[in-house]
C-alpha atoms as a PDB file:
ATOM      1  CA  MET A   1      90.044 -77.871 -45.439  1.00  0.00           C
ATOM      2  CA  LYS A   2      86.453 -78.599 -44.520  1.00  0.00           C
ATOM      3  CA  THR A   3      83.944 -76.675 -42.398  1.00  0.00           C
ATOM      4  CA  TYR A   4      82.586 -78.529 -39.392  1.00  0.00           C
ATOM      5  CA  TYR A   5      79.560 -77.335 -37.451  1.00  0.00           C
ATOM      6  CA  TYR A   6      78.861 -78.277 -33.855  1.00  0.00           C
ATOM      7  CA  VAL A   7      76.407 -78.308 -30.994  1.00  0.00           C
ATOM      8  CA  LEU A   8      78.216 -78.234 -27.661  1.00  0.00           C
ATOM      9  CA  ALA A   9      76.903 -78.883 -24.152  1.00  0.00           C
ATOM     10  CA  SER A  10      77.780 -80.634 -20.936  1.00  0.00           C
ATOM     11  CA  GLN A  11      77.861 -84.424 -21.156  1.00  0.00           C
ATOM     12  CA  ARG A  12      75.254 -84.619 -18.411  1.00  0.00           C
ATOM     13  CA  PHE A  13      72.798 -82.426 -20.327  1.00  0.00           C
ATOM     14  CA  LEU A  14      73.314 -83.835 -23.801  1.00  0.00           C
ATOM     15  CA  LEU A  15      73.744 -87.520 -23.006  1.00  0.00           C
ATOM     16  CA  GLU A  16      71.641 -87.981 -19.855  1.00  0.00           C
ATOM     17  CA  GLU A  17      68.925 -85.308 -19.740  1.00  0.00           C
ATOM     18  CA  GLU A  18      68.092 -85.176 -23.453  1.00  0.00           C
ATOM     19  CA  PRO A  19      66.953 -88.201 -25.517  1.00  0.00           C
ATOM     20  CA  MET A  20      69.899 -87.813 -27.919  1.00  0.00           C
ATOM     21  CA  GLU A  21      70.362 -91.546 -28.410  1.00  0.00           C
ATOM     22  CA  GLU A  22      66.865 -91.772 -29.886  1.00  0.00           C
ATOM     23  CA  VAL A  23      67.395 -88.718 -32.116  1.00  0.00           C
ATOM     24  CA  LEU A  24      70.709 -90.045 -33.444  1.00  0.00           C
ATOM     25  CA  ARG A  25      69.356 -93.562 -33.956  1.00  0.00           C
ATOM     26  CA  GLU A  26      66.455 -92.155 -36.011  1.00  0.00           C
ATOM     27  CA  ARG A  27      68.796 -89.923 -38.004  1.00  0.00           C
ATOM     28  CA  THR A  28      71.109 -92.880 -38.713  1.00  0.00           C
ATOM     29  CA  ARG A  29      68.156 -95.022 -39.843  1.00  0.00           C
ATOM     30  CA  HIS A  30      66.997 -92.231 -42.162  1.00  0.00           C
ATOM     31  CA  TYR A  31      70.480 -91.886 -43.679  1.00  0.00           C
ATOM     32  CA  HIS A  32      70.681 -95.636 -44.316  1.00  0.00           C
ATOM     33  CA  GLU A  33      67.262 -95.617 -46.010  1.00  0.00           C
ATOM     34  CA  GLN A  34      68.369 -92.733 -48.226  1.00  0.00           C
ATOM     35  CA  GLU A  35      71.742 -94.426 -48.851  1.00  0.00           C
ATOM     36  CA  LYS A  36      73.379 -91.271 -47.556  1.00  0.00           C
ATOM     37  CA  GLU A  37      76.803 -91.252 -45.907  1.00  0.00           C
ATOM     38  CA  ILE A  38      76.816 -90.430 -42.177  1.00  0.00           C
ATOM     39  CA  ASP A  39      77.950 -86.814 -41.720  1.00  0.00           C
ATOM     40  CA  PHE A  40      77.631 -86.430 -37.943  1.00  0.00           C
ATOM     41  CA  TRP A  41      79.584 -87.678 -34.939  1.00  0.00           C
ATOM     42  CA  VAL A  42      79.343 -87.543 -31.145  1.00  0.00           C
ATOM     43  CA  VAL A  43      82.643 -86.572 -29.539  1.00  0.00           C
ATOM     44  CA  LYS A  44      83.130 -86.600 -25.772  1.00  0.00           C
ATOM     45  CA  GLN A  45      85.592 -83.994 -24.510  1.00  0.00           C
ATOM     46  CA  PRO A  46      86.291 -82.690 -28.024  1.00  0.00           C
ATOM     47  CA  ALA A  47      89.926 -81.764 -28.624  1.00  0.00           C
ATOM     48  CA  PHE A  48      88.984 -78.839 -30.892  1.00  0.00           C
ATOM     49  CA  LEU A  49      88.078 -76.891 -27.732  1.00  0.00           C
ATOM     50  CA  GLU A  50      91.788 -76.802 -26.841  1.00  0.00           C
ATOM     51  CA  SER A  51      92.667 -74.656 -29.863  1.00  0.00           C
ATOM     52  CA  PRO A  52      93.338 -70.971 -29.081  1.00  0.00           C
ATOM     53  CA  GLN A  53      90.404 -69.729 -31.198  1.00  0.00           C
ATOM     54  CA  MET A  54      88.000 -71.852 -29.110  1.00  0.00           C
ATOM     55  CA  ALA A  55      89.066 -70.544 -25.666  1.00  0.00           C
ATOM     56  CA  GLN A  56      85.952 -68.364 -25.236  1.00  0.00           C
ATOM     57  CA  VAL A  57      83.632 -71.169 -26.340  1.00  0.00           C
ATOM     58  CA  LYS A  58      85.272 -73.630 -23.935  1.00  0.00           C
ATOM     59  CA  ALA A  59      84.930 -71.133 -21.080  1.00  0.00           C
ATOM     60  CA  LYS A  60      81.157 -70.899 -21.682  1.00  0.00           C
ATOM     61  CA  CYS A  61      80.506 -74.650 -21.691  1.00  0.00           C
ATOM     62  CA  PRO A  62      80.232 -76.745 -18.516  1.00  0.00           C
ATOM     63  CA  GLN A  63      82.819 -79.517 -18.424  1.00  0.00           C
ATOM     64  CA  PRO A  64      83.115 -82.309 -19.253  1.00  0.00           C
ATOM     65  CA  ALA A  65      81.674 -81.331 -22.609  1.00  0.00           C
ATOM     66  CA  VAL A  66      80.332 -83.304 -25.528  1.00  0.00           C
ATOM     67  CA  ALA A  67      79.936 -82.118 -29.115  1.00  0.00           C
ATOM     68  CA  LEU A  68      77.740 -83.281 -31.925  1.00  0.00           C
ATOM     69  CA  ILE A  69      79.823 -82.427 -34.973  1.00  0.00           C
ATOM     70  CA  SER A  70      78.539 -82.419 -38.533  1.00  0.00           C
ATOM     71  CA  THR A  71      79.419 -81.223 -41.997  1.00  0.00           C
ATOM     72  CA  ASN A  72      75.698 -80.447 -42.454  1.00  0.00           C
ATOM     73  CA  PRO A  73      74.825 -76.980 -41.089  1.00  0.00           C
ATOM     74  CA  GLN A  74      71.062 -77.612 -41.370  1.00  0.00           C
ATOM     75  CA  PHE A  75      71.316 -80.586 -38.992  1.00  0.00           C
ATOM     76  CA  ILE A  76      73.144 -78.461 -36.411  1.00  0.00           C
ATOM     77  CA  THR A  77      70.563 -75.667 -36.769  1.00  0.00           C
ATOM     78  CA  TRP A  78      67.776 -78.216 -36.264  1.00  0.00           C
ATOM     79  CA  LEU A  79      69.503 -79.563 -33.124  1.00  0.00           C
ATOM     80  CA  LYS A  80      69.969 -76.030 -31.750  1.00  0.00           C
ATOM     81  CA  LEU A  81      66.265 -75.299 -32.181  1.00  0.00           C
ATOM     82  CA  ARG A  82      65.332 -78.597 -30.560  1.00  0.00           C
ATOM     83  CA  LEU A  83      67.771 -78.512 -27.637  1.00  0.00           C
ATOM     84  CA  GLU A  84      67.795 -74.853 -26.567  1.00  0.00           C
ATOM     85  CA  TYR A  85      70.572 -74.900 -23.898  1.00  0.00           C
ATOM     86  CA  VAL A  86      73.524 -75.569 -26.191  1.00  0.00           C
ATOM     87  CA  LEU A  87      76.295 -73.623 -27.874  1.00  0.00           C
ATOM     88  CA  THR A  88      76.738 -73.791 -31.631  1.00  0.00           C
ATOM     89  CA  GLY A  89      79.503 -72.765 -33.943  1.00  0.00           C
ATOM     90  CA  GLU A  90      81.820 -73.855 -36.681  1.00  0.00           C
ATOM     91  CA  PHE A  91      85.495 -74.369 -37.375  1.00  0.00           C
ATOM     92  CA  GLN A  92      87.791 -75.286 -40.247  1.00  0.00           C
ATOM     93  CA  ALA A  93      89.855 -78.470 -40.135  1.00  0.00           C
ATOM     94  CA  PRO A  94      92.295 -79.951 -40.549  1.00  0.00           C
ATOM     95  CA  SER A  95      94.401 -76.948 -39.562  1.00  0.00           C
ATOM     96  CA  GLU A  96      97.498 -76.251 -37.512  1.00  0.00           C
ATOM     97  CA  SER A  97      95.445 -75.688 -34.341  1.00  0.00           C
ATOM     98  CA  ILE A  98      92.814 -78.376 -35.099  1.00  0.00           C
ATOM     99  CA  PRO A  99      94.572 -81.246 -36.905  1.00  0.00           C
ATOM    100  CA  ASP A 100      91.736 -83.754 -36.310  1.00  0.00           C
ATOM    101  CA  PRO A 101      88.175 -82.371 -36.140  1.00  0.00           C
ATOM    102  CA  LEU A 102      86.836 -85.519 -34.432  1.00  0.00           C
ATOM    103  CA  ALA A 103      89.619 -86.026 -31.864  1.00  0.00           C
ATOM    104  CA  SER A 104      88.648 -86.593 -28.243  1.00  0.00           C
ATOM    105  CA  LEU A 105      90.516 -85.975 -25.006  1.00  0.00           C
ATOM    106  CA  ALA A 106      88.404 -88.609 -23.245  1.00  0.00           C
ATOM    107  CA  SER A 107      90.289 -91.690 -22.157  1.00  0.00           C
ATOM    108  CA  VAL A 108      88.984 -94.941 -23.561  1.00  0.00           C
ATOM    109  CA  ALA A 109      87.789 -97.247 -20.771  1.00  0.00           C
END
């Protein structure tokens, strides 16, 4: 099992009001330059929020939600300091209640 860290907010806030695309593009460029494997993902309507241990977190976050998930806790801490109005946390996966840490409930259009 692996520990995943996340920043969680409403899709409107994280994808429309904040310049996240620019931040993630710069981070991706930096990783490629350093020949480092990508360790972060954007997940719309993350399925991990449906697990029983995440009920309180889900209740606090406006829906539809989006999560930036990473295996790098420093990146999530940096995002929290930069973004302010987000929830952060961590979970272990794969597990019985969270079989796929990057699963989404969003329908693909």
